[in-house]
N, C-alpha and C. Protein backbone atom coordinates (compact mmCIF):
# COMPACT_ATOMS: atom_id res chain seq x y z
N MET A 1 110.35 117.64 112.92
CA MET A 1 109.93 118.08 114.24
C MET A 1 108.75 119.06 114.15
N ALA A 2 108.80 119.94 113.12
CA ALA A 2 107.71 120.91 112.95
C ALA A 2 106.38 120.21 112.68
N LEU A 3 106.40 119.15 111.89
CA LEU A 3 105.17 118.42 111.59
C LEU A 3 104.60 117.77 112.85
N ILE A 4 105.47 117.22 113.68
CA ILE A 4 105.01 116.59 114.92
C ILE A 4 104.37 117.62 115.84
N LEU A 5 105.00 118.77 115.99
CA LEU A 5 104.43 119.82 116.85
C LEU A 5 103.09 120.32 116.31
N ASN A 6 103.01 120.51 114.99
CA ASN A 6 101.75 120.96 114.40
C ASN A 6 100.67 119.89 114.53
N SER A 7 101.05 118.62 114.45
CA SER A 7 100.10 117.52 114.65
C SER A 7 99.56 117.54 116.07
N LEU A 8 100.43 117.78 117.02
CA LEU A 8 99.99 117.86 118.42
C LEU A 8 99.05 119.04 118.64
N VAL A 9 99.35 120.18 118.03
CA VAL A 9 98.48 121.35 118.16
C VAL A 9 97.11 121.05 117.56
N PHE A 10 97.11 120.47 116.35
CA PHE A 10 95.83 120.13 115.72
C PHE A 10 95.00 119.21 116.62
N ASN A 11 95.64 118.19 117.17
CA ASN A 11 94.91 117.25 118.04
C ASN A 11 94.44 117.91 119.33
N ALA A 12 95.21 118.83 119.86
CA ALA A 12 94.78 119.57 121.06
C ALA A 12 93.54 120.40 120.75
N ILE A 13 93.51 121.01 119.58
CA ILE A 13 92.34 121.79 119.17
C ILE A 13 91.14 120.87 118.99
N TRP A 14 91.35 119.73 118.34
CA TRP A 14 90.26 118.77 118.14
C TRP A 14 89.69 118.33 119.48
N LEU A 15 90.57 117.98 120.41
CA LEU A 15 90.12 117.54 121.73
C LEU A 15 89.40 118.65 122.49
N THR A 16 89.87 119.87 122.35
CA THR A 16 89.23 121.00 123.02
C THR A 16 87.81 121.21 122.48
N ALA A 17 87.67 121.14 121.17
CA ALA A 17 86.35 121.36 120.57
C ALA A 17 85.40 120.20 120.79
N VAL A 18 85.92 118.96 120.69
CA VAL A 18 85.06 117.79 120.73
C VAL A 18 84.91 117.21 122.14
N LEU A 19 86.02 116.89 122.77
CA LEU A 19 85.96 116.24 124.08
C LEU A 19 85.57 117.23 125.18
N ALA A 20 86.24 118.39 125.22
CA ALA A 20 85.93 119.38 126.24
C ALA A 20 84.68 120.20 125.89
N LYS A 21 84.20 120.05 124.66
CA LYS A 21 83.03 120.78 124.18
C LYS A 21 83.19 122.29 124.35
N GLN A 22 84.40 122.76 124.01
CA GLN A 22 84.72 124.18 124.07
C GLN A 22 85.19 124.66 122.69
N PRO A 23 84.30 124.68 121.70
CA PRO A 23 84.73 125.04 120.35
C PRO A 23 85.24 126.47 120.22
N LEU A 24 84.71 127.39 121.02
CA LEU A 24 85.22 128.77 120.93
C LEU A 24 86.65 128.86 121.44
N LEU A 25 86.97 128.13 122.49
CA LEU A 25 88.36 128.07 122.96
C LEU A 25 89.23 127.42 121.89
N GLY A 26 88.72 126.36 121.27
CA GLY A 26 89.44 125.71 120.18
C GLY A 26 89.70 126.67 119.03
N PHE A 27 88.70 127.50 118.70
CA PHE A 27 88.89 128.46 117.61
C PHE A 27 89.94 129.50 117.99
N ALA A 28 89.94 129.93 119.24
CA ALA A 28 90.98 130.87 119.70
C ALA A 28 92.36 130.23 119.55
N MET A 29 92.43 128.94 119.82
CA MET A 29 93.71 128.22 119.64
C MET A 29 94.12 128.20 118.17
N VAL A 30 93.15 128.06 117.26
CA VAL A 30 93.45 128.08 115.83
C VAL A 30 94.03 129.44 115.44
N VAL A 31 93.43 130.51 115.95
CA VAL A 31 93.89 131.86 115.63
C VAL A 31 95.32 132.07 116.13
N VAL A 32 95.61 131.66 117.35
CA VAL A 32 96.97 131.78 117.89
C VAL A 32 97.94 130.94 117.05
N TRP A 33 97.54 129.74 116.71
CA TRP A 33 98.36 128.84 115.89
C TRP A 33 98.67 129.47 114.54
N ALA A 34 97.68 130.10 113.92
CA ALA A 34 97.87 130.71 112.60
C ALA A 34 98.84 131.89 112.65
N TYR A 35 98.94 132.56 113.79
CA TYR A 35 99.86 133.70 113.92
C TYR A 35 101.24 133.29 114.38
N TYR A 36 101.39 132.05 114.81
CA TYR A 36 102.69 131.57 115.27
C TYR A 36 103.62 131.41 114.07
N PRO A 37 104.82 132.00 114.11
CA PRO A 37 105.74 131.90 112.96
C PRO A 37 106.15 130.44 112.68
N GLN A 38 106.08 130.08 111.41
CA GLN A 38 106.42 128.72 110.99
C GLN A 38 107.19 128.75 109.68
N PRO A 39 108.01 127.75 109.43
CA PRO A 39 108.71 127.70 108.15
C PRO A 39 107.78 127.39 106.98
N SER A 40 106.64 126.80 107.27
CA SER A 40 105.70 126.38 106.21
C SER A 40 104.36 127.07 106.39
N ARG A 41 104.36 128.39 106.28
CA ARG A 41 103.10 129.14 106.47
C ARG A 41 102.12 128.78 105.35
N PRO A 42 100.95 128.25 105.71
CA PRO A 42 99.95 127.90 104.71
C PRO A 42 99.44 129.12 103.94
N GLN A 43 99.15 128.91 102.67
CA GLN A 43 98.61 129.98 101.84
C GLN A 43 97.15 130.22 102.23
N PRO A 44 96.80 131.47 102.51
CA PRO A 44 95.43 131.77 102.94
C PRO A 44 94.36 131.31 101.94
N ILE A 45 94.64 131.40 100.65
CA ILE A 45 93.63 130.99 99.67
C ILE A 45 93.35 129.49 99.77
N PHE A 46 94.41 128.68 100.01
CA PHE A 46 94.20 127.25 100.17
C PHE A 46 93.38 126.98 101.43
N VAL A 47 93.77 127.59 102.54
CA VAL A 47 93.06 127.37 103.80
C VAL A 47 91.60 127.77 103.65
N GLY A 48 91.35 128.88 102.99
CA GLY A 48 89.98 129.35 102.80
C GLY A 48 89.15 128.41 101.93
N LEU A 49 89.72 127.95 100.83
CA LEU A 49 88.99 127.02 99.96
C LEU A 49 88.74 125.67 100.62
N ALA A 50 89.76 125.14 101.29
CA ALA A 50 89.61 123.86 102.00
C ALA A 50 88.57 123.99 103.10
N PHE A 51 88.62 125.09 103.83
CA PHE A 51 87.66 125.35 104.90
C PHE A 51 86.24 125.43 104.35
N ALA A 52 86.05 126.18 103.27
CA ALA A 52 84.71 126.36 102.70
C ALA A 52 84.12 125.04 102.21
N LEU A 53 84.93 124.24 101.51
CA LEU A 53 84.43 122.96 101.01
C LEU A 53 84.06 122.03 102.17
N GLY A 54 84.93 121.90 103.15
CA GLY A 54 84.65 121.02 104.28
C GLY A 54 83.43 121.46 105.07
N LEU A 55 83.34 122.76 105.31
CA LEU A 55 82.21 123.29 106.07
C LEU A 55 80.90 123.08 105.30
N LEU A 56 80.94 123.27 104.00
CA LEU A 56 79.74 123.06 103.17
C LEU A 56 79.29 121.60 103.25
N VAL A 57 80.20 120.67 103.08
CA VAL A 57 79.84 119.25 103.10
C VAL A 57 79.31 118.85 104.48
N ASP A 58 79.99 119.26 105.54
CA ASP A 58 79.51 118.90 106.88
C ASP A 58 78.17 119.55 107.20
N THR A 59 77.95 120.77 106.73
CA THR A 59 76.66 121.43 106.94
C THR A 59 75.55 120.63 106.25
N LEU A 60 75.83 120.16 105.04
CA LEU A 60 74.85 119.32 104.33
C LEU A 60 74.59 118.02 105.09
N LEU A 61 75.63 117.43 105.66
CA LEU A 61 75.46 116.20 106.42
C LEU A 61 74.63 116.43 107.68
N VAL A 62 74.78 117.60 108.30
CA VAL A 62 73.97 117.94 109.47
C VAL A 62 72.52 118.16 109.03
N GLN A 63 72.33 118.88 107.94
CA GLN A 63 70.98 119.17 107.44
C GLN A 63 70.22 117.90 107.03
N THR A 64 70.94 116.90 106.53
CA THR A 64 70.28 115.65 106.11
C THR A 64 70.03 114.71 107.29
N GLY A 65 70.58 115.01 108.45
CA GLY A 65 70.40 114.16 109.62
C GLY A 65 71.45 113.06 109.74
N PHE A 66 72.43 113.04 108.84
CA PHE A 66 73.49 112.04 108.93
C PHE A 66 74.33 112.26 110.19
N ILE A 67 74.56 113.53 110.51
CA ILE A 67 75.30 113.90 111.73
C ILE A 67 74.35 114.71 112.61
N THR A 68 74.27 114.32 113.87
CA THR A 68 73.46 115.04 114.85
C THR A 68 74.36 115.37 116.03
N PHE A 69 74.35 116.63 116.43
CA PHE A 69 75.21 117.06 117.53
C PHE A 69 74.52 116.92 118.88
N ASP A 70 75.34 116.76 119.91
CA ASP A 70 74.89 116.76 121.29
C ASP A 70 74.15 118.08 121.55
N ASN A 71 73.11 118.06 122.37
CA ASN A 71 72.32 119.26 122.66
C ASN A 71 73.13 120.37 123.30
N GLN A 72 74.22 120.04 123.99
CA GLN A 72 75.03 121.05 124.67
C GLN A 72 75.99 121.76 123.72
N VAL A 73 76.10 121.27 122.50
CA VAL A 73 77.09 121.81 121.57
C VAL A 73 76.38 122.48 120.40
N LEU A 74 76.82 123.67 120.06
CA LEU A 74 76.30 124.34 118.88
C LEU A 74 77.09 123.87 117.67
N PRO A 75 76.44 123.18 116.74
CA PRO A 75 77.16 122.57 115.62
C PRO A 75 77.99 123.56 114.82
N ALA A 76 77.48 124.77 114.59
CA ALA A 76 78.21 125.72 113.76
C ALA A 76 79.58 126.02 114.35
N TYR A 77 79.65 126.22 115.65
CA TYR A 77 80.94 126.54 116.28
C TYR A 77 81.93 125.37 116.18
N VAL A 78 81.43 124.17 116.38
CA VAL A 78 82.29 122.98 116.29
C VAL A 78 82.80 122.82 114.86
N LEU A 79 81.89 122.89 113.90
CA LEU A 79 82.28 122.71 112.50
C LEU A 79 83.26 123.78 112.04
N ILE A 80 83.00 125.02 112.40
CA ILE A 80 83.91 126.11 112.02
C ILE A 80 85.28 125.89 112.62
N THR A 81 85.33 125.54 113.89
CA THR A 81 86.61 125.32 114.56
C THR A 81 87.37 124.15 113.96
N LEU A 82 86.69 123.02 113.79
CA LEU A 82 87.38 121.84 113.28
C LEU A 82 87.83 122.02 111.84
N TRP A 83 87.02 122.64 111.00
CA TRP A 83 87.44 122.82 109.61
C TRP A 83 88.52 123.89 109.48
N ALA A 84 88.48 124.91 110.32
CA ALA A 84 89.57 125.91 110.30
C ALA A 84 90.88 125.23 110.70
N ALA A 85 90.85 124.43 111.75
CA ALA A 85 92.06 123.74 112.21
C ALA A 85 92.53 122.72 111.18
N PHE A 86 91.60 121.93 110.64
CA PHE A 86 92.00 120.90 109.67
C PHE A 86 92.56 121.53 108.40
N SER A 87 91.95 122.58 107.90
CA SER A 87 92.41 123.23 106.67
C SER A 87 93.82 123.78 106.84
N TYR A 88 94.07 124.39 107.98
CA TYR A 88 95.40 124.94 108.26
C TYR A 88 96.42 123.80 108.40
N TYR A 89 96.04 122.78 109.16
CA TYR A 89 96.93 121.64 109.37
C TYR A 89 97.21 120.89 108.06
N CYS A 90 96.20 120.75 107.25
CA CYS A 90 96.33 120.04 105.98
C CYS A 90 97.42 120.69 105.12
N ALA A 91 97.44 122.00 105.05
CA ALA A 91 98.46 122.71 104.26
C ALA A 91 99.85 122.46 104.83
N ILE A 92 99.97 122.46 106.14
CA ILE A 92 101.27 122.19 106.77
C ILE A 92 101.68 120.74 106.50
N PHE A 93 100.74 119.83 106.63
CA PHE A 93 101.01 118.41 106.40
C PHE A 93 101.52 118.17 104.98
N PHE A 94 100.84 118.75 104.00
CA PHE A 94 101.24 118.56 102.60
C PHE A 94 102.55 119.26 102.28
N TYR A 95 102.91 120.27 103.05
CA TYR A 95 104.21 120.92 102.87
C TYR A 95 105.33 119.93 103.21
N HIS A 96 105.10 119.12 104.25
CA HIS A 96 106.11 118.18 104.74
C HIS A 96 106.07 116.82 104.06
N LYS A 97 104.92 116.43 103.56
CA LYS A 97 104.74 115.09 102.99
C LYS A 97 104.06 115.15 101.63
N THR A 98 104.48 114.29 100.73
CA THR A 98 103.82 114.14 99.44
C THR A 98 103.42 112.68 99.28
N PHE A 99 102.22 112.46 98.83
CA PHE A 99 101.69 111.12 98.67
C PHE A 99 101.15 110.95 97.26
N THR A 100 101.00 109.69 96.84
CA THR A 100 100.32 109.41 95.58
C THR A 100 98.82 109.60 95.80
N LEU A 101 98.08 109.68 94.71
CA LEU A 101 96.63 109.84 94.83
C LEU A 101 95.98 108.68 95.57
N TRP A 102 96.45 107.45 95.31
CA TRP A 102 95.89 106.28 95.98
C TRP A 102 96.19 106.29 97.47
N GLN A 103 97.39 106.71 97.84
CA GLN A 103 97.74 106.80 99.26
C GLN A 103 96.85 107.83 99.95
N LEU A 104 96.64 108.96 99.28
CA LEU A 104 95.79 110.00 99.87
C LEU A 104 94.34 109.56 99.98
N ALA A 105 93.86 108.86 98.96
CA ALA A 105 92.48 108.36 99.02
C ALA A 105 92.31 107.40 100.19
N LEU A 106 93.26 106.51 100.36
CA LEU A 106 93.22 105.55 101.48
C LEU A 106 93.33 106.27 102.82
N LEU A 107 94.26 107.22 102.90
CA LEU A 107 94.42 108.01 104.12
C LEU A 107 93.12 108.76 104.44
N GLY A 108 92.50 109.33 103.42
CA GLY A 108 91.25 110.06 103.64
C GLY A 108 90.12 109.16 104.10
N VAL A 109 89.97 108.00 103.48
CA VAL A 109 88.89 107.07 103.84
C VAL A 109 89.07 106.55 105.26
N ILE A 110 90.30 106.46 105.72
CA ILE A 110 90.54 105.96 107.07
C ILE A 110 90.51 107.10 108.10
N SER A 111 91.26 108.16 107.85
CA SER A 111 91.42 109.21 108.87
C SER A 111 90.19 110.10 109.02
N GLY A 112 89.54 110.46 107.90
CA GLY A 112 88.37 111.33 108.00
C GLY A 112 87.25 110.70 108.81
N PRO A 113 86.72 109.56 108.36
CA PRO A 113 85.64 108.92 109.12
C PRO A 113 86.03 108.53 110.55
N SER A 114 87.30 108.16 110.76
CA SER A 114 87.69 107.78 112.13
C SER A 114 87.62 108.97 113.08
N SER A 115 87.83 110.17 112.57
CA SER A 115 87.68 111.36 113.40
C SER A 115 86.22 111.54 113.84
N TYR A 116 85.31 111.34 112.91
CA TYR A 116 83.88 111.43 113.22
C TYR A 116 83.47 110.29 114.16
N TRP A 117 84.00 109.10 113.90
CA TRP A 117 83.70 107.95 114.75
C TRP A 117 84.15 108.21 116.18
N ALA A 118 85.36 108.78 116.34
CA ALA A 118 85.87 109.10 117.67
C ALA A 118 84.98 110.14 118.35
N ALA A 119 84.54 111.14 117.61
CA ALA A 119 83.65 112.15 118.17
C ALA A 119 82.34 111.51 118.62
N ALA A 120 81.86 110.54 117.84
CA ALA A 120 80.63 109.84 118.23
C ALA A 120 80.85 109.01 119.49
N LYS A 121 82.00 108.33 119.57
CA LYS A 121 82.29 107.52 120.76
C LYS A 121 82.44 108.40 122.01
N LEU A 122 82.87 109.65 121.83
CA LEU A 122 83.01 110.57 122.95
C LEU A 122 81.71 111.28 123.29
N GLY A 123 80.66 110.99 122.52
CA GLY A 123 79.35 111.55 122.81
C GLY A 123 79.11 112.95 122.27
N ALA A 124 79.99 113.45 121.42
CA ALA A 124 79.81 114.80 120.88
C ALA A 124 78.82 114.82 119.72
N VAL A 125 78.74 113.73 118.97
CA VAL A 125 77.83 113.65 117.82
C VAL A 125 77.24 112.25 117.74
N SER A 126 76.16 112.17 116.98
CA SER A 126 75.61 110.87 116.60
C SER A 126 75.70 110.81 115.08
N ILE A 127 76.06 109.66 114.58
CA ILE A 127 76.19 109.49 113.13
C ILE A 127 75.28 108.34 112.71
N SER A 128 74.47 108.59 111.70
CA SER A 128 73.53 107.59 111.19
C SER A 128 74.20 106.77 110.10
N TRP A 129 75.09 105.86 110.51
CA TRP A 129 75.81 105.03 109.53
C TRP A 129 74.85 104.14 108.74
N ASN A 130 73.64 103.91 109.28
CA ASN A 130 72.68 103.04 108.60
C ASN A 130 72.03 103.72 107.38
N LEU A 131 72.24 105.02 107.20
CA LEU A 131 71.76 105.71 106.01
C LEU A 131 72.77 105.45 104.90
N LEU A 132 72.62 104.30 104.25
CA LEU A 132 73.62 103.80 103.31
C LEU A 132 74.03 104.80 102.23
N PRO A 133 73.09 105.45 101.54
CA PRO A 133 73.53 106.39 100.50
C PRO A 133 74.40 107.53 101.06
N LEU A 134 74.03 108.04 102.23
CA LEU A 134 74.82 109.12 102.83
C LEU A 134 76.17 108.60 103.33
N THR A 135 76.21 107.39 103.83
CA THR A 135 77.47 106.80 104.27
C THR A 135 78.42 106.64 103.09
N VAL A 136 77.89 106.17 101.97
CA VAL A 136 78.72 106.01 100.77
C VAL A 136 79.23 107.37 100.29
N LEU A 137 78.36 108.38 100.25
CA LEU A 137 78.79 109.72 99.85
C LEU A 137 79.83 110.29 100.81
N PHE A 138 79.64 110.05 102.08
CA PHE A 138 80.58 110.50 103.11
C PHE A 138 81.97 109.87 102.89
N LEU A 139 82.00 108.57 102.65
CA LEU A 139 83.28 107.88 102.40
C LEU A 139 83.91 108.35 101.09
N LEU A 140 83.09 108.55 100.07
CA LEU A 140 83.60 109.06 98.79
C LEU A 140 84.19 110.46 98.95
N PHE A 141 83.52 111.29 99.73
CA PHE A 141 84.05 112.63 99.99
C PHE A 141 85.45 112.54 100.57
N TRP A 142 85.63 111.68 101.57
CA TRP A 142 86.95 111.58 102.21
C TRP A 142 87.97 110.89 101.31
N ALA A 143 87.52 110.06 100.39
CA ALA A 143 88.44 109.44 99.43
C ALA A 143 88.93 110.46 98.41
N VAL A 144 88.12 111.47 98.14
CA VAL A 144 88.44 112.46 97.12
C VAL A 144 89.07 113.73 97.69
N VAL A 145 88.69 114.11 98.90
CA VAL A 145 89.06 115.43 99.39
C VAL A 145 90.57 115.59 99.63
N LEU A 146 91.24 114.59 100.17
CA LEU A 146 92.68 114.75 100.39
C LEU A 146 93.47 114.82 99.09
N PRO A 147 93.19 113.95 98.10
CA PRO A 147 93.86 114.14 96.81
C PRO A 147 93.55 115.52 96.19
N LEU A 148 92.31 115.96 96.32
CA LEU A 148 91.92 117.26 95.80
C LEU A 148 92.70 118.37 96.50
N TYR A 149 92.78 118.31 97.81
CA TYR A 149 93.51 119.33 98.57
C TYR A 149 94.99 119.36 98.19
N GLN A 150 95.61 118.18 98.05
CA GLN A 150 97.02 118.16 97.68
C GLN A 150 97.22 118.75 96.28
N ALA A 151 96.35 118.40 95.35
CA ALA A 151 96.45 118.94 93.98
C ALA A 151 96.26 120.46 93.98
N LEU A 152 95.29 120.93 94.74
CA LEU A 152 95.05 122.37 94.83
C LEU A 152 96.26 123.09 95.42
N LEU A 153 96.79 122.55 96.49
CA LEU A 153 97.95 123.18 97.13
C LEU A 153 99.15 123.20 96.19
N ARG A 154 99.41 122.11 95.48
CA ARG A 154 100.53 122.06 94.52
C ARG A 154 100.33 123.09 93.42
N ARG A 155 99.09 123.19 92.94
CA ARG A 155 98.81 124.16 91.87
C ARG A 155 99.03 125.59 92.36
N LEU A 156 98.56 125.89 93.56
CA LEU A 156 98.76 127.23 94.12
C LEU A 156 100.25 127.53 94.32
N GLN A 157 101.00 126.53 94.75
CA GLN A 157 102.45 126.72 94.93
C GLN A 157 103.13 126.97 93.60
N CYS A 158 102.74 126.24 92.57
CA CYS A 158 103.33 126.45 91.23
C CYS A 158 103.00 127.85 90.72
N ASN A 159 101.76 128.26 90.89
CA ASN A 159 101.37 129.59 90.43
C ASN A 159 102.12 130.70 91.17
N SER A 160 102.32 130.52 92.48
CA SER A 160 103.02 131.55 93.24
C SER A 160 104.50 131.59 92.86
N GLU A 161 105.10 130.43 92.50
CA GLU A 161 106.50 130.42 92.08
C GLU A 161 106.65 131.06 90.71
N ILE A 162 105.66 130.89 89.85
CA ILE A 162 105.70 131.50 88.52
C ILE A 162 105.60 133.03 88.63
N LEU A 163 104.75 133.49 89.54
CA LEU A 163 104.55 134.92 89.71
C LEU A 163 105.69 135.59 90.45
N ALA A 164 106.48 134.81 91.19
CA ALA A 164 107.56 135.40 92.00
C ALA A 164 108.75 135.84 91.16
């Protein structure tokens, strides 16, 4: 039940930032969500590392012209909000579910790009899928990032159990 509720919160934040074009409100929702007591409180170091990597990659994609934001939206606010929410949600998700590397790679290749595709269909961004090298790198990123995040989270959990 906790995973379902957290999934709904994550999607509400995504819709607020992308569909309603209110990324600052979405970020406020992330902050409230992070302070809400949960049985699976994400480790701040994981959330920070996942956030930094995702934000770096998306910033590079914006700088290369692969992703272009709607003129009414400030890209930095959207990216910060979405990566803060995703990083927090990702830790909760991996707390509840464990997957093989191949399952995570497939999940990443499908779920990551589909989120961007949905944002493009809603008019929040434009994506230059015809830039083949960037499209391939984008798909590779999503094939690698979820297995990487799960491995990082497991390692951090093992280290914290050893130190406890």
